[in-house]
């Protein structure tokens, strides 16, 4: 019987990354379903308000919705996006960007060579 070698640090890191990515995807899908539900309920509430209420009540509903969304942490998602952009622009990501650019150039050269 051959012995299995222990996973390398890279393999463990990649495994952990994939595990986290799957968890994130599940959370994101759940967030999307919740968002759809919130939007549908908001649409229904606004339709009812428009039919049965006056302008003052509708404005009150809009302000309440804005406050609820702000309190619910919509800014957290904006911050996440901003943080992600910062990470990509940091010098530590320079190697990843450079590698991607090099691979693109390689692919272009490869295609040019085989078109002849």
PDB file of N, CA and C in Angstrom:
ATOM      1  N   UNK A   1       0.832  -1.189   0.000  1.00  0.00           N
ATOM      2  CA  UNK A   1       0.000   0.000   0.000  1.00  0.00           C
ATOM      3  C   UNK A   1       0.874   1.250   0.000  1.00  0.00           C
ATOM      4  N   UNK A   2       0.483   2.196  -0.799  1.00  0.00           N
ATOM      5  CA  UNK A   2       1.251   3.436  -0.822  1.00  0.00           C
ATOM      6  C   UNK A   2       0.698   4.387   0.239  1.00  0.00           C
ATOM      7  N   UNK A   3       1.602   5.080   0.846  1.00  0.00           N
ATOM      8  CA  UNK A   3       1.198   6.048   1.869  1.00  0.00           C
ATOM      9  C   UNK A   3       0.792   7.354   1.199  1.00  0.00           C
ATOM     10  N   UNK A   4      -0.273   7.917   1.697  1.00  0.00           N
ATOM     11  CA  UNK A   4      -0.677   9.223   1.181  1.00  0.00           C
ATOM     12  C   UNK A   4       0.148  10.282   1.885  1.00  0.00           C
ATOM     13  N   UNK A   5       0.627  11.201   1.099  1.00  0.00           N
ATOM     14  CA  UNK A   5       1.420  12.267   1.698  1.00  0.00           C
ATOM     15  C   UNK A   5       0.488  13.292   2.343  1.00  0.00           C
ATOM     16  N   UNK A   6       0.931  13.931   3.390  1.00  0.00           N
ATOM     17  CA  UNK A   6       0.079  14.951   4.008  1.00  0.00           C
ATOM     18  C   UNK A   6      -0.096  16.129   3.039  1.00  0.00           C
ATOM     19  N   UNK A   7      -1.246  16.792   3.099  1.00  0.00           N
ATOM     20  CA  UNK A   7      -1.466  17.911   2.175  1.00  0.00           C
ATOM     21  C   UNK A   7      -0.461  19.031   2.416  1.00  0.00           C
ATOM     22  N   UNK A   8      -0.038  19.653   1.345  1.00  0.00           N
ATOM     23  CA  UNK A   8       0.886  20.776   1.473  1.00  0.00           C
ATOM     24  C   UNK A   8       0.139  21.992   2.009  1.00  0.00           C
ATOM     25  N   UNK A   9       0.912  22.986   2.396  1.00  0.00           N
ATOM     26  CA  UNK A   9       0.291  24.226   2.882  1.00  0.00           C
ATOM     27  C   UNK A   9      -0.604  24.829   1.797  1.00  0.00           C
ATOM     28  N   UNK A  10      -0.148  24.771   0.544  1.00  0.00           N
ATOM     29  CA  UNK A  10      -0.928  25.314  -0.567  1.00  0.00           C
ATOM     30  C   UNK A  10      -2.248  24.565  -0.717  1.00  0.00           C
ATOM     31  N   UNK A  11      -2.200  23.229  -0.646  1.00  0.00           N
ATOM     32  CA  UNK A  11      -3.421  22.432  -0.787  1.00  0.00           C
ATOM     33  C   UNK A  11      -4.405  22.731   0.331  1.00  0.00           C
ATOM     34  N   UNK A  12      -3.884  22.847   1.552  1.00  0.00           N
ATOM     35  CA  UNK A  12      -4.755  23.159   2.691  1.00  0.00           C
ATOM     36  C   UNK A  12      -5.361  24.550   2.519  1.00  0.00           C
ATOM     37  N   UNK A  13      -4.542  25.490   2.110  1.00  0.00           N
ATOM     38  CA  UNK A  13      -5.036  26.846   1.894  1.00  0.00           C
ATOM     39  C   UNK A  13      -6.109  26.861   0.816  1.00  0.00           C
ATOM     40  N   UNK A  14      -5.884  26.139  -0.280  1.00  0.00           N
ATOM     41  CA  UNK A  14      -6.862  26.088  -1.377  1.00  0.00           C
ATOM     42  C   UNK A  14      -8.149  25.405  -0.923  1.00  0.00           C
ATOM     43  N   UNK A  15      -8.020  24.333  -0.145  1.00  0.00           N
ATOM     44  CA  UNK A  15      -9.187  23.648   0.392  1.00  0.00           C
ATOM     45  C   UNK A  15      -9.987  24.588   1.286  1.00  0.00           C
ATOM     46  N   UNK A  16      -9.303  25.293   2.181  1.00  0.00           N
ATOM     47  CA  UNK A  16      -9.975  26.231   3.089  1.00  0.00           C
ATOM     48  C   UNK A  16     -10.655  27.356   2.308  1.00  0.00           C
ATOM     49  N   UNK A  17      -9.972  27.834   1.266  1.00  0.00           N
ATOM     50  CA  UNK A  17     -10.552  28.884   0.431  1.00  0.00           C
ATOM     51  C   UNK A  17     -11.837  28.391  -0.223  1.00  0.00           C
ATOM     52  N   UNK A  18     -11.798  27.205  -0.816  1.00  0.00           N
ATOM     53  CA  UNK A  18     -12.981  26.660  -1.473  1.00  0.00           C
ATOM     54  C   UNK A  18     -14.127  26.434  -0.495  1.00  0.00           C
ATOM     55  N   UNK A  19     -13.798  25.984   0.690  1.00  0.00           N
ATOM     56  CA  UNK A  19     -14.810  25.776   1.724  1.00  0.00           C
ATOM     57  C   UNK A  19     -15.466  27.118   2.090  1.00  0.00           C
ATOM     58  N   UNK A  20     -14.646  28.142   2.262  1.00  0.00           N
ATOM     59  CA  UNK A  20     -15.176  29.473   2.576  1.00  0.00           C
ATOM     60  C   UNK A  20     -15.988  30.033   1.420  1.00  0.00           C
ATOM     61  N   UNK A  21     -15.518  29.798   0.205  1.00  0.00           N
ATOM     62  CA  UNK A  21     -16.229  30.283  -0.972  1.00  0.00           C
ATOM     63  C   UNK A  21     -17.615  29.640  -1.071  1.00  0.00           C
ATOM     64  N   UNK A  22     -17.700  28.342  -0.805  1.00  0.00           N
ATOM     65  CA  UNK A  22     -19.003  27.661  -0.846  1.00  0.00           C
ATOM     66  C   UNK A  22     -19.939  28.218   0.223  1.00  0.00           C
ATOM     67  N   UNK A  23     -19.396  28.475   1.406  1.00  0.00           N
ATOM     68  CA  UNK A  23     -20.217  29.056   2.480  1.00  0.00           C
ATOM     69  C   UNK A  23     -20.689  30.450   2.080  1.00  0.00           C
ATOM     70  N   UNK A  24     -19.793  31.229   1.486  1.00  0.00           N
ATOM     71  CA  UNK A  24     -20.161  32.567   1.037  1.00  0.00           C
ATOM     72  C   UNK A  24     -21.235  32.497  -0.035  1.00  0.00           C
ATOM     73  N   UNK A  25     -21.095  31.571  -0.980  1.00  0.00           N
ATOM     74  CA  UNK A  25     -22.085  31.428  -2.049  1.00  0.00           C
ATOM     75  C   UNK A  25     -23.460  31.090  -1.471  1.00  0.00           C
ATOM     76  N   UNK A  26     -23.488  30.203  -0.473  1.00  0.00           N
ATOM     77  CA  UNK A  26     -24.751  29.868   0.173  1.00  0.00           C
ATOM     78  C   UNK A  26     -25.366  31.078   0.852  1.00  0.00           C
ATOM     79  N   UNK A  27     -24.534  31.846   1.535  1.00  0.00           N
ATOM     80  CA  UNK A  27     -25.029  33.057   2.199  1.00  0.00           C
ATOM     81  C   UNK A  27     -25.509  34.077   1.182  1.00  0.00           C
ATOM     82  N   UNK A  28     -24.768  34.213   0.090  1.00  0.00           N
ATOM     83  CA  UNK A  28     -25.145  35.175  -0.950  1.00  0.00           C
ATOM     84  C   UNK A  28     -26.472  34.791  -1.584  1.00  0.00           C
ATOM     85  N   UNK A  29     -26.661  33.496  -1.859  1.00  0.00           N
ATOM     86  CA  UNK A  29     -27.934  33.041  -2.426  1.00  0.00           C
ATOM     87  C   UNK A  29     -29.081  33.300  -1.462  1.00  0.00           C
ATOM     88  N   UNK A  30     -28.824  33.083  -0.186  1.00  0.00           N
ATOM     89  CA  UNK A  30     -29.835  33.359   0.833  1.00  0.00           C
ATOM     90  C   UNK A  30     -30.157  34.854   0.868  1.00  0.00           C
ATOM     91  N   UNK A  31     -29.134  35.671   0.764  1.00  0.00           N
ATOM     92  CA  UNK A  31     -29.323  37.118   0.733  1.00  0.00           C
ATOM     93  C   UNK A  31     -30.142  37.522  -0.492  1.00  0.00           C
ATOM     94  N   UNK A  32     -29.858  36.911  -1.630  1.00  0.00           N
ATOM     95  CA  UNK A  32     -30.624  37.221  -2.836  1.00  0.00           C
ATOM     96  C   UNK A  32     -32.095  36.859  -2.667  1.00  0.00           C
ATOM     97  N   UNK A  33     -32.369  35.691  -2.086  1.00  0.00           N
ATOM     98  CA  UNK A  33     -33.765  35.293  -1.857  1.00  0.00           C
ATOM     99  C   UNK A  33     -34.444  36.273  -0.896  1.00  0.00           C
ATOM    100  N   UNK A  34     -33.735  36.649   0.165  1.00  0.00           N
ATOM    101  CA  UNK A  34     -34.299  37.593   1.137  1.00  0.00           C
ATOM    102  C   UNK A  34     -34.537  38.951   0.493  1.00  0.00           C
ATOM    103  N   UNK A  35     -33.618  39.370  -0.351  1.00  0.00           N
ATOM    104  CA  UNK A  35     -33.763  40.652  -1.046  1.00  0.00           C
ATOM    105  C   UNK A  35     -34.987  40.634  -1.949  1.00  0.00           C
ATOM    106  N   UNK A  36     -35.155  39.551  -2.681  1.00  0.00           N
ATOM    107  CA  UNK A  36     -36.337  39.422  -3.540  1.00  0.00           C
ATOM    108  C   UNK A  36     -37.617  39.501  -2.717  1.00  0.00           C
ATOM    109  N   UNK A  37     -37.615  38.828  -1.573  1.00  0.00           N
ATOM    110  CA  UNK A  37     -38.791  38.829  -0.703  1.00  0.00           C
ATOM    111  C   UNK A  37     -39.076  40.235  -0.175  1.00  0.00           C
ATOM    112  N   UNK A  38     -38.021  40.928   0.267  1.00  0.00           N
ATOM    113  CA  UNK A  38     -38.187  42.292   0.785  1.00  0.00           C
ATOM    114  C   UNK A  38     -38.717  43.211  -0.312  1.00  0.00           C
ATOM    115  N   UNK A  39     -38.160  43.093  -1.517  1.00  0.00           N
ATOM    116  CA  UNK A  39     -38.607  43.952  -2.616  1.00  0.00           C
ATOM    117  C   UNK A  39     -40.058  43.672  -2.993  1.00  0.00           C
ATOM    118  N   UNK A  40     -40.438  42.407  -2.997  1.00  0.00           N
ATOM    119  CA  UNK A  40     -41.826  42.056  -3.328  1.00  0.00           C
ATOM    120  C   UNK A  40     -42.776  42.633  -2.286  1.00  0.00           C
ATOM    121  N   UNK A  41     -42.421  42.496  -1.014  1.00  0.00           N
ATOM    122  CA  UNK A  41     -43.283  43.021   0.052  1.00  0.00           C
ATOM    123  C   UNK A  41     -43.340  44.548   0.008  1.00  0.00           C
ATOM    124  N   UNK A  42     -42.212  45.172  -0.294  1.00  0.00           N
ATOM    125  CA  UNK A  42     -42.179  46.625  -0.407  1.00  0.00           C
ATOM    126  C   UNK A  42     -43.062  47.075  -1.572  1.00  0.00           C
ATOM    127  N   UNK A  43     -42.943  46.385  -2.701  1.00  0.00           N
ATOM    128  CA  UNK A  43     -43.752  46.709  -3.880  1.00  0.00           C
ATOM    129  C   UNK A  43     -45.247  46.589  -3.546  1.00  0.00           C
ATOM    130  N   UNK A  44     -45.605  45.511  -2.843  1.00  0.00           N
ATOM    131  CA  UNK A  44     -47.009  45.317  -2.453  1.00  0.00           C
ATOM    132  C   UNK A  44     -47.479  46.415  -1.502  1.00  0.00           C
ATOM    133  N   UNK A  45     -46.619  46.767  -0.546  1.00  0.00           N
ATOM    134  CA  UNK A  45     -46.985  47.813   0.417  1.00  0.00           C
ATOM    135  C   UNK A  45     -47.141  49.159  -0.283  1.00  0.00           C
ATOM    136  N   UNK A  46     -46.235  49.461  -1.219  1.00  0.00           N
ATOM    137  CA  UNK A  46     -46.335  50.730  -1.938  1.00  0.00           C
ATOM    138  C   UNK A  46     -47.572  50.759  -2.832  1.00  0.00           C
ATOM    139  N   UNK A  47     -47.885  49.649  -3.474  1.00  0.00           N
ATOM    140  CA  UNK A  47     -49.082  49.595  -4.321  1.00  0.00           C
ATOM    141  C   UNK A  47     -50.333  49.863  -3.486  1.00  0.00           C
ATOM    142  N   UNK A  48     -50.373  49.247  -2.313  1.00  0.00           N
ATOM    143  CA  UNK A  48     -51.526  49.455  -1.422  1.00  0.00           C
ATOM    144  C   UNK A  48     -51.567  50.900  -0.928  1.00  0.00           C
ATOM    145  N   UNK A  49     -50.371  51.424  -0.585  1.00  0.00           N
ATOM    146  CA  UNK A  49     -50.316  52.802  -0.093  1.00  0.00           C
ATOM    147  C   UNK A  49     -50.764  53.788  -1.166  1.00  0.00           C
ATOM    148  N   UNK A  50     -50.362  53.547  -2.397  1.00  0.00           N
ATOM    149  CA  UNK A  50     -50.741  54.447  -3.486  1.00  0.00           C
ATOM    150  C   UNK A  50     -52.251  54.424  -3.711  1.00  0.00           C
ATOM    151  N   UNK A  51     -52.837  53.247  -3.606  1.00  0.00           N
ATOM    152  CA  UNK A  51     -54.284  53.119  -3.819  1.00  0.00           C
ATOM    153  C   UNK A  51     -55.089  53.720  -2.676  1.00  0.00           C
ATOM    154  N   UNK A  52     -54.607  53.515  -1.444  1.00  0.00           N
ATOM    155  CA  UNK A  52     -55.450  53.812  -0.288  1.00  0.00           C
ATOM    156  C   UNK A  52     -54.983  54.976   0.579  1.00  0.00           C
ATOM    157  N   UNK A  53     -53.840  55.583   0.259  1.00  0.00           N
ATOM    158  CA  UNK A  53     -53.290  56.589   1.162  1.00  0.00           C
ATOM    159  C   UNK A  53     -53.084  57.925   0.457  1.00  0.00           C
ATOM    160  N   UNK A  54     -52.687  58.883   1.271  1.00  0.00           N
ATOM    161  CA  UNK A  54     -52.376  60.202   0.723  1.00  0.00           C
ATOM    162  C   UNK A  54     -50.849  60.355   0.596  1.00  0.00           C
ATOM    163  N   UNK A  55     -50.438  61.474   0.054  1.00  0.00           N
ATOM    164  CA  UNK A  55     -49.016  61.716  -0.199  1.00  0.00           C
ATOM    165  C   UNK A  55     -48.189  61.709   1.089  1.00  0.00           C
ATOM    166  N   UNK A  56     -48.760  62.243   2.159  1.00  0.00           N
ATOM    167  CA  UNK A  56     -48.043  62.294   3.448  1.00  0.00           C
ATOM    168  C   UNK A  56     -47.730  60.874   3.943  1.00  0.00           C
ATOM    169  N   UNK A  57     -48.686  59.981   3.841  1.00  0.00           N
ATOM    170  CA  UNK A  57     -48.494  58.594   4.283  1.00  0.00           C
ATOM    171  C   UNK A  57     -47.447  57.889   3.415  1.00  0.00           C
ATOM    172  N   UNK A  58     -47.492  58.136   2.113  1.00  0.00           N
ATOM    173  CA  UNK A  58     -46.517  57.513   1.203  1.00  0.00           C
ATOM    174  C   UNK A  58     -45.112  58.011   1.518  1.00  0.00           C
ATOM    175  N   UNK A  59     -44.966  59.320   1.737  1.00  0.00           N
ATOM    176  CA  UNK A  59     -43.644  59.861   2.095  1.00  0.00           C
ATOM    177  C   UNK A  59     -43.140  59.271   3.406  1.00  0.00           C
ATOM    178  N   UNK A  60     -44.043  59.097   4.341  1.00  0.00           N
ATOM    179  CA  UNK A  60     -43.677  58.491   5.627  1.00  0.00           C
ATOM    180  C   UNK A  60     -43.186  57.049   5.411  1.00  0.00           C
ATOM    181  N   UNK A  61     -43.887  56.321   4.555  1.00  0.00           N
ATOM    182  CA  UNK A  61     -43.487  54.951   4.240  1.00  0.00           C
ATOM    183  C   UNK A  61     -42.105  54.924   3.574  1.00  0.00           C
ATOM    184  N   UNK A  62     -41.870  55.847   2.641  1.00  0.00           N
ATOM    185  CA  UNK A  62     -40.564  55.919   1.972  1.00  0.00           C
ATOM    186  C   UNK A  62     -39.440  56.205   2.959  1.00  0.00           C
ATOM    187  N   UNK A  63     -39.653  57.158   3.842  1.00  0.00           N
ATOM    188  CA  UNK A  63     -38.639  57.494   4.848  1.00  0.00           C
ATOM    189  C   UNK A  63     -38.383  56.313   5.784  1.00  0.00           C
ATOM    190  N   UNK A  64     -39.450  55.648   6.166  1.00  0.00           N
ATOM    191  CA  UNK A  64     -39.318  54.473   7.025  1.00  0.00           C
ATOM    192  C   UNK A  64     -38.504  53.387   6.328  1.00  0.00           C
ATOM    193  N   UNK A  65     -38.761  53.191   5.036  1.00  0.00           N
ATOM    194  CA  UNK A  65     -38.030  52.180   4.260  1.00  0.00           C
ATOM    195  C   UNK A  65     -36.558  52.544   4.168  1.00  0.00           C
ATOM    196  N   UNK A  66     -36.250  53.810   3.878  1.00  0.00           N
ATOM    197  CA  UNK A  66     -34.856  54.251   3.786  1.00  0.00           C
ATOM    198  C   UNK A  66     -34.118  54.012   5.103  1.00  0.00           C
ATOM    199  N   UNK A  67     -34.767  54.356   6.200  1.00  0.00           N
ATOM    200  CA  UNK A  67     -34.138  54.179   7.518  1.00  0.00           C
ATOM    201  C   UNK A  67     -33.925  52.697   7.812  1.00  0.00           C
ATOM    202  N   UNK A  68     -34.915  51.874   7.512  1.00  0.00           N
ATOM    203  CA  UNK A  68     -34.799  50.431   7.769  1.00  0.00           C
ATOM    204  C   UNK A  68     -33.659  49.825   6.958  1.00  0.00           C
ATOM    205  N   UNK A  69     -33.538  50.225   5.702  1.00  0.00           N
ATOM    206  CA  UNK A  69     -32.470  49.684   4.861  1.00  0.00           C
ATOM    207  C   UNK A  69     -31.102  50.133   5.363  1.00  0.00           C
ATOM    208  N   UNK A  70     -31.026  51.374   5.779  1.00  0.00           N
ATOM    209  CA  UNK A  70     -29.763  51.886   6.314  1.00  0.00           C
ATOM    210  C   UNK A  70     -29.402  51.158   7.614  1.00  0.00           C
ATOM    211  N   UNK A  71     -30.399  50.997   8.475  1.00  0.00           N
ATOM    212  CA  UNK A  71     -30.168  50.300   9.742  1.00  0.00           C
ATOM    213  C   UNK A  71     -29.816  48.832   9.526  1.00  0.00           C
ATOM    214  N   UNK A  72     -30.322  48.252   8.456  1.00  0.00           N
ATOM    215  CA  UNK A  72     -30.091  46.830   8.180  1.00  0.00           C
ATOM    216  C   UNK A  72     -28.675  46.566   7.686  1.00  0.00           C
ATOM    217  N   UNK A  73     -27.944  47.599   7.396  1.00  0.00           N
ATOM    218  CA  UNK A  73     -26.548  47.393   7.054  1.00  0.00           C
ATOM    219  C   UNK A  73     -26.215  47.410   5.586  1.00  0.00           C
ATOM    220  N   UNK A  74     -26.986  48.112   4.787  1.00  0.00           N
ATOM    221  CA  UNK A  74     -26.669  48.225   3.372  1.00  0.00           C
ATOM    222  C   UNK A  74     -25.268  48.811   3.210  1.00  0.00           C
ATOM    223  N   UNK A  75     -24.888  49.697   4.122  1.00  0.00           N
ATOM    224  CA  UNK A  75     -23.555  50.291   4.052  1.00  0.00           C
ATOM    225  C   UNK A  75     -22.453  49.251   4.220  1.00  0.00           C
ATOM    226  N   UNK A  76     -22.770  48.144   4.889  1.00  0.00           N
ATOM    227  CA  UNK A  76     -21.787  47.078   5.058  1.00  0.00           C
ATOM    228  C   UNK A  76     -21.370  46.528   3.703  1.00  0.00           C
ATOM    229  N   UNK A  77     -22.337  46.380   2.794  1.00  0.00           N
ATOM    230  CA  UNK A  77     -22.017  45.856   1.467  1.00  0.00           C
ATOM    231  C   UNK A  77     -21.177  46.847   0.668  1.00  0.00           C
ATOM    232  N   UNK A  78     -21.475  48.129   0.819  1.00  0.00           N
ATOM    233  CA  UNK A  78     -20.674  49.143   0.144  1.00  0.00           C
ATOM    234  C   UNK A  78     -19.248  49.106   0.681  1.00  0.00           C
ATOM    235  N   UNK A  79     -19.107  48.979   1.988  1.00  0.00           N
ATOM    236  CA  UNK A  79     -17.778  48.920   2.597  1.00  0.00           C
ATOM    237  C   UNK A  79     -17.016  47.690   2.111  1.00  0.00           C
ATOM    238  N   UNK A  80     -17.715  46.561   2.002  1.00  0.00           N
ATOM    239  CA  UNK A  80     -17.087  45.334   1.509  1.00  0.00           C
ATOM    240  C   UNK A  80     -16.527  45.559   0.103  1.00  0.00           C
ATOM    241  N   UNK A  81     -17.330  46.174  -0.755  1.00  0.00           N
ATOM    242  CA  UNK A  81     -16.879  46.453  -2.116  1.00  0.00           C
ATOM    243  C   UNK A  81     -15.683  47.386  -2.138  1.00  0.00           C
ATOM    244  N   UNK A  82     -15.733  48.415  -1.308  1.00  0.00           N
ATOM    245  CA  UNK A  82     -14.602  49.350  -1.233  1.00  0.00           C
ATOM    246  C   UNK A  82     -13.347  48.645  -0.739  1.00  0.00           C
ATOM    247  N   UNK A  83     -13.492  47.812   0.294  1.00  0.00           N
ATOM    248  CA  UNK A  83     -12.345  47.069   0.827  1.00  0.00           C
ATOM    249  C   UNK A  83     -11.763  46.133  -0.215  1.00  0.00           C
ATOM    250  N   UNK A  84     -12.627  45.464  -0.979  1.00  0.00           N
ATOM    251  CA  UNK A  84     -12.168  44.537  -2.010  1.00  0.00           C
ATOM    252  C   UNK A  84     -11.359  45.293  -3.069  1.00  0.00           C
ATOM    253  N   UNK A  85     -11.821  46.479  -3.453  1.00  0.00           N
ATOM    254  CA  UNK A  85     -11.091  47.279  -4.439  1.00  0.00           C
ATOM    255  C   UNK A  85      -9.729  47.706  -3.892  1.00  0.00           C
ATOM    256  N   UNK A  86      -9.669  48.034  -2.602  1.00  0.00           N
ATOM    257  CA  UNK A  86      -8.390  48.400  -1.989  1.00  0.00           C
ATOM    258  C   UNK A  86      -7.406  47.237  -2.035  1.00  0.00           C
ATOM    259  N   UNK A  87      -7.908  46.036  -1.734  1.00  0.00           N
ATOM    260  CA  UNK A  87      -7.046  44.855  -1.750  1.00  0.00           C
ATOM    261  C   UNK A  87      -6.473  44.642  -3.139  1.00  0.00           C
ATOM    262  N   UNK A  88      -7.314  44.775  -4.150  1.00  0.00           N
ATOM    263  CA  UNK A  88      -6.863  44.558  -5.525  1.00  0.00           C
ATOM    264  C   UNK A  88      -5.871  45.619  -5.982  1.00  0.00           C
ATOM    265  N   UNK A  89      -5.948  46.804  -5.391  1.00  0.00           N
ATOM    266  CA  UNK A  89      -5.051  47.866  -5.817  1.00  0.00           C
ATOM    267  C   UNK A  89      -3.752  47.907  -5.005  1.00  0.00           C
ATOM    268  N   UNK A  90      -3.640  47.111  -3.965  1.00  0.00           N
ATOM    269  CA  UNK A  90      -2.432  47.110  -3.137  1.00  0.00           C
ATOM    270  C   UNK A  90      -1.297  46.403  -3.855  1.00  0.00           C
ATOM    271  N   UNK A  91      -0.083  46.754  -3.462  1.00  0.00           N
ATOM    272  CA  UNK A  91       1.094  46.185  -4.118  1.00  0.00           C
ATOM    273  C   UNK A  91       1.193  44.677  -3.928  1.00  0.00           C
ATOM    274  N   UNK A  92       0.593  44.134  -2.890  1.00  0.00           N
ATOM    275  CA  UNK A  92       0.641  42.683  -2.682  1.00  0.00           C
ATOM    276  C   UNK A  92      -0.078  41.944  -3.796  1.00  0.00           C
ATOM    277  N   UNK A  93      -1.002  42.631  -4.459  1.00  0.00           N
ATOM    278  CA  UNK A  93      -1.725  42.014  -5.565  1.00  0.00           C
ATOM    279  C   UNK A  93      -1.024  42.253  -6.906  1.00  0.00           C
ATOM    280  N   UNK A  94       0.087  42.971  -6.876  1.00  0.00           N
ATOM    281  CA  UNK A  94       0.811  43.281  -8.105  1.00  0.00           C
ATOM    282  C   UNK A  94       1.213  42.015  -8.842  1.00  0.00           C
ATOM    283  N   UNK A  95       1.690  41.011  -8.105  1.00  0.00           N
ATOM    284  CA  UNK A  95       2.108  39.768  -8.737  1.00  0.00           C
ATOM    285  C   UNK A  95       0.948  39.067  -9.423  1.00  0.00           C
ATOM    286  N   UNK A  96      -0.208  39.072  -8.796  1.00  0.00           N
ATOM    287  CA  UNK A  96      -1.381  38.428  -9.386  1.00  0.00           C
ATOM    288  C   UNK A  96      -1.778  39.160 -10.666  1.00  0.00           C
ATOM    289  N   UNK A  97      -1.780  40.485 -10.623  1.00  0.00           N
ATOM    290  CA  UNK A  97      -2.117  41.270 -11.801  1.00  0.00           C
ATOM    291  C   UNK A  97      -1.101  41.023 -12.914  1.00  0.00           C
ATOM    292  N   UNK A  98       0.181  41.028 -12.557  1.00  0.00           N
ATOM    293  CA  UNK A  98       1.242  40.818 -13.535  1.00  0.00           C
ATOM    294  C   UNK A  98       1.118  39.443 -14.172  1.00  0.00           C
ATOM    295  N   UNK A  99       0.842  38.434 -13.369  1.00  0.00           N
ATOM    296  CA  UNK A  99       0.669  37.083 -13.892  1.00  0.00           C
ATOM    297  C   UNK A  99      -0.507  37.042 -14.867  1.00  0.00           C
ATOM    298  N   UNK A 100      -1.615  37.651 -14.499  1.00  0.00           N
ATOM    299  CA  UNK A 100      -2.785  37.684 -15.374  1.00  0.00           C
ATOM    300  C   UNK A 100      -2.476  38.376 -16.690  1.00  0.00           C
ATOM    301  N   UNK A 101      -1.758  39.486 -16.622  1.00  0.00           N
ATOM    302  CA  UNK A 101      -1.379  40.191 -17.848  1.00  0.00           C
ATOM    303  C   UNK A 101      -0.463  39.331 -18.714  1.00  0.00           C
ATOM    304  N   UNK A 102       0.482  38.656 -18.071  1.00  0.00           N
ATOM    305  CA  UNK A 102       1.402  37.789 -18.820  1.00  0.00           C
ATOM    306  C   UNK A 102       0.647  36.646 -19.493  1.00  0.00           C
ATOM    307  N   UNK A 103      -0.322  36.074 -18.798  1.00  0.00           N
ATOM    308  CA  UNK A 103      -1.112  34.985 -19.380  1.00  0.00           C
ATOM    309  C   UNK A 103      -1.948  35.484 -20.558  1.00  0.00           C
ATOM    310  N   UNK A 104      -2.466  36.685 -20.462  1.00  0.00           N
ATOM    311  CA  UNK A 104      -3.208  37.259 -21.578  1.00  0.00           C
ATOM    312  C   UNK A 104      -2.313  37.460 -22.790  1.00  0.00           C
ATOM    313  N   UNK A 105      -1.103  37.974 -22.564  1.00  0.00           N
ATOM    314  CA  UNK A 105      -0.154  38.160 -23.666  1.00  0.00           C
ATOM    315  C   UNK A 105       0.216  36.813 -24.280  1.00  0.00           C
ATOM    316  N   UNK A 106       0.431  35.815 -23.439  1.00  0.00           N
ATOM    317  CA  UNK A 106       0.757  34.475 -23.935  1.00  0.00           C
ATOM    318  C   UNK A 106      -0.370  33.951 -24.817  1.00  0.00           C
ATOM    319  N   UNK A 107      -1.611  34.112 -24.354  1.00  0.00           N
ATOM    320  CA  UNK A 107      -2.761  33.634 -25.125  1.00  0.00           C
ATOM    321  C   UNK A 107      -2.860  34.353 -26.463  1.00  0.00           C
ATOM    322  N   UNK A 108      -2.620  35.658 -26.464  1.00  0.00           N
ATOM    323  CA  UNK A 108      -2.649  36.423 -27.715  1.00  0.00           C
ATOM    324  C   UNK A 108      -1.577  35.920 -28.676  1.00  0.00           C
ATOM    325  N   UNK A 109      -0.366  35.744 -28.156  1.00  0.00           N
ATOM    326  CA  UNK A 109       0.744  35.272 -28.989  1.00  0.00           C
ATOM    327  C   UNK A 109       0.450  33.887 -29.530  1.00  0.00           C
ATOM    328  N   UNK A 110      -0.062  33.032 -28.697  1.00  0.00           N
ATOM    329  CA  UNK A 110      -0.409  31.661 -29.098  1.00  0.00           C
ATOM    330  C   UNK A 110      -1.417  31.660 -30.250  1.00  0.00           C
ATOM    331  N   UNK A 111      -2.445  32.495 -30.101  1.00  0.00           N
ATOM    332  CA  UNK A 111      -3.467  32.578 -31.147  1.00  0.00           C
ATOM    333  C   UNK A 111      -2.882  33.108 -32.452  1.00  0.00           C
ATOM    334  N   UNK A 112      -2.001  34.109 -32.363  1.00  0.00           N
ATOM    335  CA  UNK A 112      -1.383  34.658 -33.571  1.00  0.00           C
ATOM    336  C   UNK A 112      -0.520  33.620 -34.262  1.00  0.00           C
ATOM    337  N   UNK A 113       0.199  32.815 -33.485  1.00  0.00           N
ATOM    338  CA  UNK A 113       1.094  31.811 -34.052  1.00  0.00           C
ATOM    339  C   UNK A 113       0.292  30.753 -34.811  1.00  0.00           C
ATOM    340  N   UNK A 114      -0.835  30.340 -34.282  1.00  0.00           N
ATOM    341  CA  UNK A 114      -1.577  29.246 -34.882  1.00  0.00           C
ATOM    342  C   UNK A 114      -2.553  29.690 -35.961  1.00  0.00           C
ATOM    343  N   UNK A 115      -2.744  30.985 -36.123  1.00  0.00           N
ATOM    344  CA  UNK A 115      -3.589  31.481 -37.201  1.00  0.00           C
ATOM    345  C   UNK A 115      -2.858  31.479 -38.533  1.00  0.00           C
ATOM    346  N   UNK A 116      -1.538  31.496 -38.482  1.00  0.00           N
ATOM    347  CA  UNK A 116      -0.735  31.552 -39.721  1.00  0.00           C
ATOM    348  C   UNK A 116      -0.799  30.288 -40.500  1.00  0.00           C
TER     349      UNK A 116
END
